[in-house]
Amino acid sequence: MKKNLMTLCFSILFLFGCGPEAPSERKESPVRVELFETPSPYNSLVTISKVRVTAVSETAYVSVKNVTVNKGNCIRPRNDPFVYKILGYGQFIQGMYFANKGGDCKVLLVEVDTDHGAWAFNF
C-alpha cells in the first residue's frame, strides 16, 4: 500500500511539475533590455548610463509597470518614463540613470516589472 501511494505521488509530481513554475514552463521575457554607456558631454570623468526597454512579446502589447536599476541605487534625473507605459511590438522606452548621491552609476542589474511578470537582466 505504501509503495502504491508513493508511486501515485511521484506520478502526480511528474505530470504537473514540481511547482507553479517548472523550469520548462518559464516563458521568455516580453521585453529586451539594452545598456548604452557614454561619457558626459559636460564632464569627461562622468559616464551616462542609458537603459532601453524594447517590447519583443508575441502578444499585442506589454505594459511596463516599473523599471528598477541596481536595486534602486541608480535613479533618473527627471520624471521616470518607465512607469506604466504600454508598448507594442518593437516599441521602446529609454532613460538615463545616475547614482543616488550623484556621480557615476555602473549598471549591473535592471529589473523590469510587466503585466507578464517580473524579469531581471544582468550586465
PDB file of N, CA and C in Angstrom:
ATOM      1  N   MET A   1       0.824  -1.192   0.000  1.00  0.00           N
ATOM      2  CA  MET A   1       0.000   0.000   0.000  1.00  0.00           C
ATOM      3  C   MET A   1       0.871   1.260   0.000  1.00  0.00           C
ATOM      4  N   LYS A   2       1.925   1.221   0.832  1.00  0.00           N
ATOM      5  CA  LYS A   2       2.820   2.371   0.933  1.00  0.00           C
ATOM      6  C   LYS A   2       3.527   2.622  -0.397  1.00  0.00           C
ATOM      7  N   LYS A   3       3.919   1.537  -1.062  1.00  0.00           N
ATOM      8  CA  LYS A   3       4.607   1.656  -2.344  1.00  0.00           C
ATOM      9  C   LYS A   3       3.677   2.255  -3.400  1.00  0.00           C
ATOM     10  N   ASN A   4       2.415   1.838  -3.415  1.00  0.00           N
ATOM     11  CA  ASN A   4       1.443   2.379  -4.368  1.00  0.00           C
ATOM     12  C   ASN A   4       1.201   3.865  -4.136  1.00  0.00           C
ATOM     13  N   LEU A   5       1.144   4.260  -2.869  1.00  0.00           N
ATOM     14  CA  LEU A   5       0.923   5.670  -2.534  1.00  0.00           C
ATOM     15  C   LEU A   5       2.100   6.527  -2.993  1.00  0.00           C
ATOM     16  N   MET A   6       3.314   6.032  -2.783  1.00  0.00           N
ATOM     17  CA  MET A   6       4.494   6.785  -3.216  1.00  0.00           C
ATOM     18  C   MET A   6       4.547   6.872  -4.737  1.00  0.00           C
ATOM     19  N   THR A   7       4.199   5.793  -5.418  1.00  0.00           N
ATOM     20  CA  THR A   7       4.172   5.803  -6.881  1.00  0.00           C
ATOM     21  C   THR A   7       3.160   6.814  -7.390  1.00  0.00           C
ATOM     22  N   LEU A   8       2.005   6.879  -6.743  1.00  0.00           N
ATOM     23  CA  LEU A   8       0.974   7.844  -7.120  1.00  0.00           C
ATOM     24  C   LEU A   8       1.469   9.275  -6.924  1.00  0.00           C
ATOM     25  N   CYS A   9       2.126   9.539  -5.796  1.00  0.00           N
ATOM     26  CA  CYS A   9       2.651  10.892  -5.523  1.00  0.00           C
ATOM     27  C   CYS A   9       3.683  11.305  -6.571  1.00  0.00           C
ATOM     28  N   PHE A  10       4.599  10.411  -6.902  1.00  0.00           N
ATOM     29  CA  PHE A  10       5.616  10.740  -7.901  1.00  0.00           C
ATOM     30  C   PHE A  10       5.000  10.933  -9.283  1.00  0.00           C
ATOM     31  N   SER A  11       3.975  10.160  -9.583  1.00  0.00           N
ATOM     32  CA  SER A  11       3.288  10.316 -10.874  1.00  0.00           C
ATOM     33  C   SER A  11       2.617  11.677 -10.981  1.00  0.00           C
ATOM     34  N   ILE A  12       1.995  12.109  -9.889  1.00  0.00           N
ATOM     35  CA  ILE A  12       1.342  13.427  -9.886  1.00  0.00           C
ATOM     36  C   ILE A  12       2.379  14.529 -10.052  1.00  0.00           C
ATOM     37  N   LEU A  13       3.498  14.424  -9.332  1.00  0.00           N
ATOM     38  CA  LEU A  13       4.558  15.427  -9.464  1.00  0.00           C
ATOM     39  C   LEU A  13       5.108  15.454 -10.884  1.00  0.00           C
ATOM     40  N   PHE A  14       5.260  14.285 -11.487  1.00  0.00           N
ATOM     41  CA  PHE A  14       5.781  14.215 -12.850  1.00  0.00           C
ATOM     42  C   PHE A  14       4.818  14.851 -13.847  1.00  0.00           C
ATOM     43  N   LEU A  15       3.528  14.593 -13.686  1.00  0.00           N
ATOM     44  CA  LEU A  15       2.524  15.121 -14.620  1.00  0.00           C
ATOM     45  C   LEU A  15       2.331  16.628 -14.495  1.00  0.00           C
ATOM     46  N   PHE A  16       2.336  17.128 -13.272  1.00  0.00           N
ATOM     47  CA  PHE A  16       2.001  18.535 -13.046  1.00  0.00           C
ATOM     48  C   PHE A  16       3.203  19.406 -12.728  1.00  0.00           C
ATOM     49  N   GLY A  17       4.380  18.867 -12.670  1.00  0.00           N
ATOM     50  CA  GLY A  17       5.563  19.657 -12.350  1.00  0.00           C
ATOM     51  C   GLY A  17       5.740  19.748 -10.849  1.00  0.00           C
ATOM     52  N   CYS A  18       6.841  20.343 -10.447  1.00  0.00           N
ATOM     53  CA  CYS A  18       7.153  20.421  -9.023  1.00  0.00           C
ATOM     54  C   CYS A  18       6.733  21.738  -8.405  1.00  0.00           C
ATOM     55  N   GLY A  19       6.052  22.579  -9.102  1.00  0.00           N
ATOM     56  CA  GLY A  19       5.624  23.853  -8.558  1.00  0.00           C
ATOM     57  C   GLY A  19       4.856  24.620  -9.594  1.00  0.00           C
ATOM     58  N   PRO A  20       4.453  25.838  -9.227  1.00  0.00           N
ATOM     59  CA  PRO A  20       3.661  26.626 -10.162  1.00  0.00           C
ATOM     60  C   PRO A  20       4.427  27.023 -11.411  1.00  0.00           C
ATOM     61  N   GLU A  21       5.745  27.025 -11.319  1.00  0.00           N
ATOM     62  CA  GLU A  21       6.534  27.450 -12.469  1.00  0.00           C
ATOM     63  C   GLU A  21       7.739  26.548 -12.627  1.00  0.00           C
ATOM     64  N   ALA A  22       7.537  25.419 -13.261  1.00  0.00           N
ATOM     65  CA  ALA A  22       8.636  24.499 -13.521  1.00  0.00           C
ATOM     66  C   ALA A  22       9.573  25.135 -14.540  1.00  0.00           C
ATOM     67  N   PRO A  23      10.873  24.795 -14.526  1.00  0.00           N
ATOM     68  CA  PRO A  23      11.824  25.429 -15.441  1.00  0.00           C
ATOM     69  C   PRO A  23      11.419  25.346 -16.903  1.00  0.00           C
ATOM     70  N   SER A  24      10.807  24.234 -17.315  1.00  0.00           N
ATOM     71  CA  SER A  24      10.426  24.109 -18.719  1.00  0.00           C
ATOM     72  C   SER A  24       9.237  25.001 -19.068  1.00  0.00           C
ATOM     73  N   GLU A  25       8.492  25.461 -18.051  1.00  0.00           N
ATOM     74  CA  GLU A  25       7.330  26.303 -18.290  1.00  0.00           C
ATOM     75  C   GLU A  25       7.670  27.793 -18.232  1.00  0.00           C
ATOM     76  N   ARG A  26       8.875  28.130 -17.833  1.00  0.00           N
ATOM     77  CA  ARG A  26       9.265  29.537 -17.720  1.00  0.00           C
ATOM     78  C   ARG A  26       9.253  30.159 -19.102  1.00  0.00           C
ATOM     79  N   LYS A  27       8.465  31.194 -19.260  1.00  0.00           N
ATOM     80  CA  LYS A  27       8.333  31.843 -20.558  1.00  0.00           C
ATOM     81  C   LYS A  27       9.490  32.801 -20.790  1.00  0.00           C
ATOM     82  N   GLU A  28       9.667  33.159 -22.041  1.00  0.00           N
ATOM     83  CA  GLU A  28      10.694  34.140 -22.368  1.00  0.00           C
ATOM     84  C   GLU A  28      10.217  35.524 -21.972  1.00  0.00           C
ATOM     85  N   SER A  29      11.152  36.386 -21.702  1.00  0.00           N
ATOM     86  CA  SER A  29      10.827  37.753 -21.317  1.00  0.00           C
ATOM     87  C   SER A  29      10.102  38.467 -22.453  1.00  0.00           C
ATOM     88  N   PRO A  30       9.068  39.250 -22.131  1.00  0.00           N
ATOM     89  CA  PRO A  30       8.356  40.001 -23.164  1.00  0.00           C
ATOM     90  C   PRO A  30       9.088  41.278 -23.572  1.00  0.00           C
ATOM     91  N   VAL A  31      10.213  41.556 -22.903  1.00  0.00           N
ATOM     92  CA  VAL A  31      10.986  42.761 -23.216  1.00  0.00           C
ATOM     93  C   VAL A  31      12.457  42.410 -23.368  1.00  0.00           C
ATOM     94  N   ARG A  32      13.163  43.253 -24.099  1.00  0.00           N
ATOM     95  CA  ARG A  32      14.617  43.158 -24.224  1.00  0.00           C
ATOM     96  C   ARG A  32      15.182  44.428 -23.607  1.00  0.00           C
ATOM     97  N   VAL A  33      16.261  44.307 -22.851  1.00  0.00           N
ATOM     98  CA  VAL A  33      16.890  45.463 -22.210  1.00  0.00           C
ATOM     99  C   VAL A  33      18.284  45.642 -22.787  1.00  0.00           C
ATOM    100  N   GLU A  34      18.573  46.877 -23.196  1.00  0.00           N
ATOM    101  CA  GLU A  34      19.899  47.216 -23.718  1.00  0.00           C
ATOM    102  C   GLU A  34      20.490  48.327 -22.864  1.00  0.00           C
ATOM    103  N   LEU A  35      21.798  48.329 -22.756  1.00  0.00           N
ATOM    104  CA  LEU A  35      22.506  49.333 -21.969  1.00  0.00           C
ATOM    105  C   LEU A  35      23.493  50.066 -22.862  1.00  0.00           C
ATOM    106  N   PHE A  36      23.453  51.393 -22.797  1.00  0.00           N
ATOM    107  CA  PHE A  36      24.392  52.237 -23.538  1.00  0.00           C
ATOM    108  C   PHE A  36      25.095  53.135 -22.530  1.00  0.00           C
ATOM    109  N   GLU A  37      26.419  53.131 -22.541  1.00  0.00           N
ATOM    110  CA  GLU A  37      27.195  53.989 -21.644  1.00  0.00           C
ATOM    111  C   GLU A  37      28.034  54.937 -22.480  1.00  0.00           C
ATOM    112  N   THR A  38      27.867  56.237 -22.232  1.00  0.00           N
ATOM    113  CA  THR A  38      28.601  57.261 -22.976  1.00  0.00           C
ATOM    114  C   THR A  38      29.173  58.278 -22.002  1.00  0.00           C
ATOM    115  N   PRO A  39      30.297  58.901 -22.349  1.00  0.00           N
ATOM    116  CA  PRO A  39      30.829  59.950 -21.485  1.00  0.00           C
ATOM    117  C   PRO A  39      29.924  61.178 -21.525  1.00  0.00           C
ATOM    118  N   SER A  40      29.842  61.851 -20.419  1.00  0.00           N
ATOM    119  CA  SER A  40      29.031  63.066 -20.336  1.00  0.00           C
ATOM    120  C   SER A  40      29.641  64.152 -21.217  1.00  0.00           C
ATOM    121  N   PRO A  41      28.813  64.907 -21.949  1.00  0.00           N
ATOM    122  CA  PRO A  41      29.359  65.996 -22.763  1.00  0.00           C
ATOM    123  C   PRO A  41      29.878  67.156 -21.910  1.00  0.00           C
ATOM    124  N   TYR A  42      29.496  67.180 -20.635  1.00  0.00           N
ATOM    125  CA  TYR A  42      29.888  68.274 -19.743  1.00  0.00           C
ATOM    126  C   TYR A  42      31.080  67.937 -18.868  1.00  0.00           C
ATOM    127  N   ASN A  43      31.294  66.636 -18.607  1.00  0.00           N
ATOM    128  CA  ASN A  43      32.381  66.217 -17.741  1.00  0.00           C
ATOM    129  C   ASN A  43      32.851  64.846 -18.220  1.00  0.00           C
ATOM    130  N   SER A  44      34.035  64.776 -18.780  1.00  0.00           N
ATOM    131  CA  SER A  44      34.530  63.527 -19.365  1.00  0.00           C
ATOM    132  C   SER A  44      34.801  62.448 -18.318  1.00  0.00           C
ATOM    133  N   LEU A  45      34.826  62.818 -17.040  1.00  0.00           N
ATOM    134  CA  LEU A  45      35.052  61.841 -15.982  1.00  0.00           C
ATOM    135  C   LEU A  45      33.762  61.132 -15.562  1.00  0.00           C
ATOM    136  N   VAL A  46      32.617  61.645 -16.007  1.00  0.00           N
ATOM    137  CA  VAL A  46      31.318  61.078 -15.635  1.00  0.00           C
ATOM    138  C   VAL A  46      30.749  60.305 -16.818  1.00  0.00           C
ATOM    139  N   THR A  47      30.244  59.111 -16.546  1.00  0.00           N
ATOM    140  CA  THR A  47      29.622  58.281 -17.567  1.00  0.00           C
ATOM    141  C   THR A  47      28.106  58.346 -17.418  1.00  0.00           C
ATOM    142  N   ILE A  48      27.417  58.499 -18.538  1.00  0.00           N
ATOM    143  CA  ILE A  48      25.958  58.486 -18.538  1.00  0.00           C
ATOM    144  C   ILE A  48      25.507  57.095 -18.961  1.00  0.00           C
ATOM    145  N   SER A  49      24.682  56.472 -18.139  1.00  0.00           N
ATOM    146  CA  SER A  49      24.137  55.149 -18.442  1.00  0.00           C
ATOM    147  C   SER A  49      22.719  55.311 -18.958  1.00  0.00           C
ATOM    148  N   LYS A  50      22.479  54.801 -20.162  1.00  0.00           N
ATOM    149  CA  LYS A  50      21.144  54.876 -20.753  1.00  0.00           C
ATOM    150  C   LYS A  50      20.603  53.457 -20.881  1.00  0.00           C
ATOM    151  N   VAL A  51      19.402  53.239 -20.340  1.00  0.00           N
ATOM    152  CA  VAL A  51      18.747  51.934 -20.386  1.00  0.00           C
ATOM    153  C   VAL A  51      17.585  52.013 -21.368  1.00  0.00           C
ATOM    154  N   ARG A  52      17.534  51.047 -22.291  1.00  0.00           N
ATOM    155  CA  ARG A  52      16.438  50.985 -23.267  1.00  0.00           C
ATOM    156  C   ARG A  52      15.688  49.669 -23.074  1.00  0.00           C
ATOM    157  N   VAL A  53      14.359  49.768 -22.935  1.00  0.00           N
ATOM    158  CA  VAL A  53      13.490  48.598 -22.790  1.00  0.00           C
ATOM    159  C   VAL A  53      12.630  48.506 -24.044  1.00  0.00           C
ATOM    160  N   THR A  54      12.738  47.393 -24.781  1.00  0.00           N
ATOM    161  CA  THR A  54      12.013  47.190 -26.036  1.00  0.00           C
ATOM    162  C   THR A  54      11.062  46.011 -25.893  1.00  0.00           C
ATOM    163  N   ALA A  55       9.826  46.181 -26.364  1.00  0.00           N
ATOM    164  CA  ALA A  55       8.842  45.095 -26.333  1.00  0.00           C
ATOM    165  C   ALA A  55       9.153  44.094 -27.440  1.00  0.00           C
ATOM    166  N   VAL A  56       9.281  42.825 -27.074  1.00  0.00           N
ATOM    167  CA  VAL A  56       9.541  41.766 -28.050  1.00  0.00           C
ATOM    168  C   VAL A  56       8.551  40.616 -27.887  1.00  0.00           C
ATOM    169  N   SER A  57       7.482  40.853 -27.152  1.00  0.00           N
ATOM    170  CA  SER A  57       6.479  39.824 -26.895  1.00  0.00           C
ATOM    171  C   SER A  57       5.638  39.565 -28.134  1.00  0.00           C
ATOM    172  N   GLU A  58       5.202  38.330 -28.292  1.00  0.00           N
ATOM    173  CA  GLU A  58       4.324  37.973 -29.402  1.00  0.00           C
ATOM    174  C   GLU A  58       2.894  38.450 -29.160  1.00  0.00           C
ATOM    175  N   THR A  59       2.576  38.829 -27.924  1.00  0.00           N
ATOM    176  CA  THR A  59       1.246  39.372 -27.649  1.00  0.00           C
ATOM    177  C   THR A  59       1.165  40.789 -28.205  1.00  0.00           C
ATOM    178  N   ALA A  60      -0.029  41.318 -28.275  1.00  0.00           N
ATOM    179  CA  ALA A  60      -0.227  42.631 -28.897  1.00  0.00           C
ATOM    180  C   ALA A  60       0.528  43.735 -28.157  1.00  0.00           C
ATOM    181  N   TYR A  61       0.463  43.736 -26.836  1.00  0.00           N
ATOM    182  CA  TYR A  61       1.068  44.817 -26.061  1.00  0.00           C
ATOM    183  C   TYR A  61       1.703  44.276 -24.789  1.00  0.00           C
ATOM    184  N   VAL A  62       2.665  45.044 -24.284  1.00  0.00           N
ATOM    185  CA  VAL A  62       3.295  44.766 -22.999  1.00  0.00           C
ATOM    186  C   VAL A  62       3.172  46.029 -22.165  1.00  0.00           C
ATOM    187  N   SER A  63       2.675  45.887 -20.958  1.00  0.00           N
ATOM    188  CA  SER A  63       2.569  47.025 -20.052  1.00  0.00           C
ATOM    189  C   SER A  63       3.765  47.003 -19.108  1.00  0.00           C
ATOM    190  N   VAL A  64       4.624  48.012 -19.208  1.00  0.00           N
ATOM    191  CA  VAL A  64       5.787  48.121 -18.326  1.00  0.00           C
ATOM    192  C   VAL A  64       5.342  48.890 -17.091  1.00  0.00           C
ATOM    193  N   LYS A  65       5.326  48.199 -15.952  1.00  0.00           N
ATOM    194  CA  LYS A  65       4.857  48.814 -14.712  1.00  0.00           C
ATOM    195  C   LYS A  65       5.955  49.619 -14.026  1.00  0.00           C
ATOM    196  N   ASN A  66       7.172  49.085 -14.050  1.00  0.00           N
ATOM    197  CA  ASN A  66       8.268  49.767 -13.361  1.00  0.00           C
ATOM    198  C   ASN A  66       9.602  49.207 -13.841  1.00  0.00           C
ATOM    199  N   VAL A  67      10.622  50.054 -13.812  1.00  0.00           N
ATOM    200  CA  VAL A  67      11.994  49.639 -14.111  1.00  0.00           C
ATOM    201  C   VAL A  67      12.869  50.105 -12.954  1.00  0.00           C
ATOM    202  N   THR A  68      13.605  49.170 -12.363  1.00  0.00           N
ATOM    203  CA  THR A  68      14.491  49.484 -11.246  1.00  0.00           C
ATOM    204  C   THR A  68      15.917  49.141 -11.655  1.00  0.00           C
ATOM    205  N   VAL A  69      16.832  50.072 -11.447  1.00  0.00           N
ATOM    206  CA  VAL A  69      18.234  49.866 -11.814  1.00  0.00           C
ATOM    207  C   VAL A  69      19.068  49.745 -10.545  1.00  0.00           C
ATOM    208  N   ASN A  70      19.874  48.695 -10.492  1.00  0.00           N
ATOM    209  CA  ASN A  70      20.754  48.420  -9.350  1.00  0.00           C
ATOM    210  C   ASN A  70      20.003  48.468  -8.021  1.00  0.00           C
ATOM    211  N   LYS A  71      18.858  47.818  -7.984  1.00  0.00           N
ATOM    212  CA  LYS A  71      18.027  47.712  -6.773  1.00  0.00           C
ATOM    213  C   LYS A  71      17.662  49.080  -6.206  1.00  0.00           C
ATOM    214  N   GLY A  72      17.479  50.056  -7.076  1.00  0.00           N
ATOM    215  CA  GLY A  72      17.077  51.396  -6.655  1.00  0.00           C
ATOM    216  C   GLY A  72      18.229  52.325  -6.334  1.00  0.00           C
ATOM    217  N   ASN A  73      19.466  51.862  -6.476  1.00  0.00           N
ATOM    218  CA  ASN A  73      20.623  52.703  -6.171  1.00  0.00           C
ATOM    219  C   ASN A  73      20.984  53.649  -7.309  1.00  0.00           C
ATOM    220  N   CYS A  74      20.399  53.462  -8.472  1.00  0.00           N
ATOM    221  CA  CYS A  74      20.566  54.387  -9.590  1.00  0.00           C
ATOM    222  C   CYS A  74      19.204  54.995  -9.889  1.00  0.00           C
ATOM    223  N   ILE A  75      19.173  56.293 -10.060  1.00  0.00           N
ATOM    224  CA  ILE A  75      17.898  56.984 -10.243  1.00  0.00           C
ATOM    225  C   ILE A  75      17.911  57.810 -11.518  1.00  0.00           C
ATOM    226  N   ARG A  76      16.724  58.223 -11.934  1.00  0.00           N
ATOM    227  CA  ARG A  76      16.573  59.101 -13.092  1.00  0.00           C
ATOM    228  C   ARG A  76      16.659  60.542 -12.623  1.00  0.00           C
ATOM    229  N   PRO A  77      17.237  61.425 -13.435  1.00  0.00           N
ATOM    230  CA  PRO A  77      17.337  62.830 -13.028  1.00  0.00           C
ATOM    231  C   PRO A  77      15.997  63.562 -13.082  1.00  0.00           C
ATOM    232  N   ARG A  78      15.065  63.072 -13.901  1.00  0.00           N
ATOM    233  CA  ARG A  78      13.742  63.705 -14.021  1.00  0.00           C
ATOM    234  C   ARG A  78      12.664  62.658 -13.806  1.00  0.00           C
ATOM    235  N   ASN A  79      11.453  63.012 -14.192  1.00  0.00           N
ATOM    236  CA  ASN A  79      10.346  62.063 -14.075  1.00  0.00           C
ATOM    237  C   ASN A  79      10.670  60.773 -14.806  1.00  0.00           C
ATOM    238  N   ASP A  80      10.282  59.675 -14.214  1.00  0.00           N
ATOM    239  CA  ASP A  80      10.594  58.357 -14.767  1.00  0.00           C
ATOM    240  C   ASP A  80       9.655  58.009 -15.911  1.00  0.00           C
ATOM    241  N   PRO A  81      10.189  57.803 -17.136  1.00  0.00           N
ATOM    242  CA  PRO A  81       9.317  57.472 -18.260  1.00  0.00           C
ATOM    243  C   PRO A  81       8.881  56.012 -18.249  1.00  0.00           C
ATOM    244  N   PHE A  82       9.425  55.217 -17.325  1.00  0.00           N
ATOM    245  CA  PHE A  82       9.185  53.785 -17.346  1.00  0.00           C
ATOM    246  C   PHE A  82       7.954  53.348 -16.562  1.00  0.00           C
ATOM    247  N   VAL A  83       7.282  54.252 -15.887  1.00  0.00           N
ATOM    248  CA  VAL A  83       6.169  53.854 -15.038  1.00  0.00           C
ATOM    249  C   VAL A  83       4.888  53.764 -15.853  1.00  0.00           C
ATOM    250  N   TYR A  84       4.301  52.586 -15.880  1.00  0.00           N
ATOM    251  CA  TYR A  84       3.014  52.314 -16.534  1.00  0.00           C
ATOM    252  C   TYR A  84       2.980  52.767 -17.990  1.00  0.00           C
ATOM    253  N   LYS A  85       3.890  52.251 -18.771  1.00  0.00           N
ATOM    254  CA  LYS A  85       3.903  52.510 -20.212  1.00  0.00           C
ATOM    255  C   LYS A  85       3.462  51.249 -20.944  1.00  0.00           C
ATOM    256  N   ILE A  86       2.642  51.424 -21.964  1.00  0.00           N
ATOM    257  CA  ILE A  86       2.184  50.303 -22.778  1.00  0.00           C
ATOM    258  C   ILE A  86       2.929  50.353 -24.107  1.00  0.00           C
ATOM    259  N   LEU A  87       3.611  49.242 -24.431  1.00  0.00           N
ATOM    260  CA  LEU A  87       4.426  49.178 -25.638  1.00  0.00           C
ATOM    261  C   LEU A  87       3.908  48.101 -26.575  1.00  0.00           C
ATOM    262  N   GLY A  88       3.859  48.424 -27.860  1.00  0.00           N
ATOM    263  CA  GLY A  88       3.573  47.435 -28.890  1.00  0.00           C
ATOM    264  C   GLY A  88       4.877  46.799 -29.332  1.00  0.00           C
ATOM    265  N   TYR A  89       4.785  45.727 -30.089  1.00  0.00           N
ATOM    266  CA  TYR A  89       5.971  45.009 -30.546  1.00  0.00           C
ATOM    267  C   TYR A  89       6.934  45.959 -31.263  1.00  0.00           C
ATOM    268  N   GLY A  90       8.194  45.971 -30.817  1.00  0.00           N
ATOM    269  CA  GLY A  90       9.218  46.808 -31.430  1.00  0.00           C
ATOM    270  C   GLY A  90       9.304  48.213 -30.864  1.00  0.00           C
ATOM    271  N   GLN A  91       8.329  48.633 -30.075  1.00  0.00           N
ATOM    272  CA  GLN A  91       8.387  49.964 -29.466  1.00  0.00           C
ATOM    273  C   GLN A  91       9.290  49.911 -28.240  1.00  0.00           C
ATOM    274  N   PHE A  92       9.891  51.055 -27.903  1.00  0.00           N
ATOM    275  CA  PHE A  92      10.796  51.075 -26.759  1.00  0.00           C
ATOM    276  C   PHE A  92      10.648  52.371 -25.977  1.00  0.00           C
ATOM    277  N   ILE A  93      11.143  52.310 -24.749  1.00  0.00           N
ATOM    278  CA  ILE A  93      11.288  53.485 -23.898  1.00  0.00           C
ATOM    279  C   ILE A  93      12.716  53.456 -23.385  1.00  0.00           C
ATOM    280  N   GLN A  94      13.261  54.616 -23.107  1.00  0.00           N
ATOM    281  CA  GLN A  94      14.625  54.662 -22.595  1.00  0.00           C
ATOM    282  C   GLN A  94      14.789  55.846 -21.662  1.00  0.00           C
ATOM    283  N   GLY A  95      15.786  55.746 -20.811  1.00  0.00           N
ATOM    284  CA  GLY A  95      16.066  56.817 -19.874  1.00  0.00           C
ATOM    285  C   GLY A  95      17.486  56.736 -19.365  1.00  0.00           C
ATOM    286  N   MET A  96      17.982  57.865 -18.879  1.00  0.00           N
ATOM    287  CA  MET A  96      19.336  57.938 -18.329  1.00  0.00           C
ATOM    288  C   MET A  96      19.281  57.733 -16.822  1.00  0.00           C
ATOM    289  N   TYR A  97      20.338  57.151 -16.280  1.00  0.00           N
ATOM    290  CA  TYR A  97      20.401  56.882 -14.851  1.00  0.00           C
ATOM    291  C   TYR A  97      21.705  57.402 -14.272  1.00  0.00           C
ATOM    292  N   PHE A  98      21.626  57.874 -13.029  1.00  0.00           N
ATOM    293  CA  PHE A  98      22.779  58.362 -12.284  1.00  0.00           C
ATOM    294  C   PHE A  98      22.761  57.723 -10.903  1.00  0.00           C
ATOM    295  N   ALA A  99      23.900  57.763 -10.214  1.00  0.00           N
ATOM    296  CA  ALA A  99      23.955  57.235  -8.852  1.00  0.00           C
ATOM    297  C   ALA A  99      23.077  58.084  -7.943  1.00  0.00           C
ATOM    298  N   ASN A 100      22.543  57.466  -6.900  1.00  0.00           N
ATOM    299  CA  ASN A 100      21.650  58.145  -5.964  1.00  0.00           C
ATOM    300  C   ASN A 100      22.259  59.412  -5.381  1.00  0.00           C
ATOM    301  N   LYS A 101      23.518  59.379  -5.069  1.00  0.00           N
ATOM    302  CA  LYS A 101      24.198  60.521  -4.441  1.00  0.00           C
ATOM    303  C   LYS A 101      24.970  61.351  -5.457  1.00  0.00           C
ATOM    304  N   GLY A 102      24.682  61.169  -6.743  1.00  0.00           N
ATOM    305  CA  GLY A 102      25.425  61.869  -7.789  1.00  0.00           C
ATOM    306  C   GLY A 102      26.587  61.015  -8.264  1.00  0.00           C
ATOM    307  N   GLY A 103      27.184  61.412  -9.359  1.00  0.00           N
ATOM    308  CA  GLY A 103      28.312  60.662  -9.897  1.00  0.00           C
ATOM    309  C   GLY A 103      27.877  59.548 -10.821  1.00  0.00           C
ATOM    310  N   ASP A 104      28.777  58.600 -11.044  1.00  0.00           N
ATOM    311  CA  ASP A 104      28.521  57.502 -11.974  1.00  0.00           C
ATOM    312  C   ASP A 104      27.579  56.459 -11.389  1.00  0.00           C
ATOM    313  N   CYS A 105      26.897  55.791 -12.278  1.00  0.00           N
ATOM    314  CA  CYS A 105      26.058  54.655 -11.922  1.00  0.00           C
ATOM    315  C   CYS A 105      26.450  53.514 -12.847  1.00  0.00           C
ATOM    316  N   LYS A 106      27.232  52.582 -12.366  1.00  0.00           N
ATOM    317  CA  LYS A 106      27.622  51.412 -13.153  1.00  0.00           C
ATOM    318  C   LYS A 106      26.458  50.429 -13.112  1.00  0.00           C
ATOM    319  N   VAL A 107      25.733  50.323 -14.217  1.00  0.00           N
ATOM    320  CA  VAL A 107      24.544  49.471 -14.261  1.00  0.00           C
ATOM    321  C   VAL A 107      24.968  48.003 -14.281  1.00  0.00           C
ATOM    322  N   LEU A 108      24.537  47.271 -13.263  1.00  0.00           N
ATOM    323  CA  LEU A 108      24.808  45.842 -13.162  1.00  0.00           C
ATOM    324  C   LEU A 108      23.533  45.016 -13.261  1.00  0.00           C
ATOM    325  N   LEU A 109      22.408  45.602 -12.805  1.00  0.00           N
ATOM    326  CA  LEU A 109      21.147  44.874 -12.747  1.00  0.00           C
ATOM    327  C   LEU A 109      19.994  45.795 -13.128  1.00  0.00           C
ATOM    328  N   VAL A 110      19.154  45.345 -14.056  1.00  0.00           N
ATOM    329  CA  VAL A 110      17.939  46.073 -14.431  1.00  0.00           C
ATOM    330  C   VAL A 110      16.770  45.126 -14.215  1.00  0.00           C
ATOM    331  N   GLU A 111      15.823  45.548 -13.374  1.00  0.00           N
ATOM    332  CA  GLU A 111      14.630  44.753 -13.100  1.00  0.00           C
ATOM    333  C   GLU A 111      13.438  45.428 -13.759  1.00  0.00           C
ATOM    334  N   VAL A 112      12.705  44.669 -14.570  1.00  0.00           N
ATOM    335  CA  VAL A 112      11.558  45.200 -15.301  1.00  0.00           C
ATOM    336  C   VAL A 112      10.314  44.450 -14.842  1.00  0.00           C
ATOM    337  N   ASP A 113       9.337  45.198 -14.333  1.00  0.00           N
ATOM    338  CA  ASP A 113       8.069  44.622 -13.893  1.00  0.00           C
ATOM    339  C   ASP A 113       7.029  44.890 -14.972  1.00  0.00           C
ATOM    340  N   THR A 114       6.456  43.830 -15.550  1.00  0.00           N
ATOM    341  CA  THR A 114       5.474  43.963 -16.626  1.00  0.00           C
ATOM    342  C   THR A 114       4.184  43.241 -16.246  1.00  0.00           C
ATOM    343  N   ASP A 115       3.182  43.385 -17.100  1.00  0.00           N
ATOM    344  CA  ASP A 115       1.940  42.648 -16.882  1.00  0.00           C
ATOM    345  C   ASP A 115       2.109  41.159 -17.183  1.00  0.00           C
ATOM    346  N   HIS A 116       3.267  40.758 -17.715  1.00  0.00           N
ATOM    347  CA  HIS A 116       3.578  39.352 -17.984  1.00  0.00           C
ATOM    348  C   HIS A 116       4.507  38.773 -16.924  1.00  0.00           C
ATOM    349  N   GLY A 117       4.807  39.534 -15.876  1.00  0.00           N
ATOM    350  CA  GLY A 117       5.693  39.082 -14.814  1.00  0.00           C
ATOM    351  C   GLY A 117       6.892  40.003 -14.660  1.00  0.00           C
ATOM    352  N   ALA A 118       7.733  39.684 -13.687  1.00  0.00           N
ATOM    353  CA  ALA A 118       8.936  40.474 -13.416  1.00  0.00           C
ATOM    354  C   ALA A 118      10.147  39.754 -14.004  1.00  0.00           C
ATOM    355  N   TRP A 119      11.077  40.545 -14.531  1.00  0.00           N
ATOM    356  CA  TRP A 119      12.248  39.996 -15.214  1.00  0.00           C
ATOM    357  C   TRP A 119      13.485  40.753 -14.768  1.00  0.00           C
ATOM    358  N   ALA A 120      14.609  40.038 -14.608  1.00  0.00           N
ATOM    359  CA  ALA A 120      15.875  40.648 -14.206  1.00  0.00           C
ATOM    360  C   ALA A 120      16.903  40.428 -15.311  1.00  0.00           C
ATOM    361  N   PHE A 121      17.681  41.478 -15.583  1.00  0.00           N
ATOM    362  CA  PHE A 121      18.714  41.434 -16.619  1.00  0.00           C
ATOM    363  C   PHE A 121      20.028  41.873 -15.991  1.00  0.00           C
ATOM    364  N   ASN A 122      21.053  41.030 -16.095  1.00  0.00           N
ATOM    365  CA  ASN A 122      22.380  41.338 -15.552  1.00  0.00           C
ATOM    366  C   ASN A 122      23.302  41.829 -16.657  1.00  0.00           C
ATOM    367  N   PHE A 123      24.135  42.802 -16.317  1.00  0.00           N
ATOM    368  CA  PHE A 123      25.108  43.345 -17.267  1.00  0.00           C
ATOM    369  C   PHE A 123      26.499  43.251 -16.702  1.00  0.00           C
TER     370      PHE A 123
END
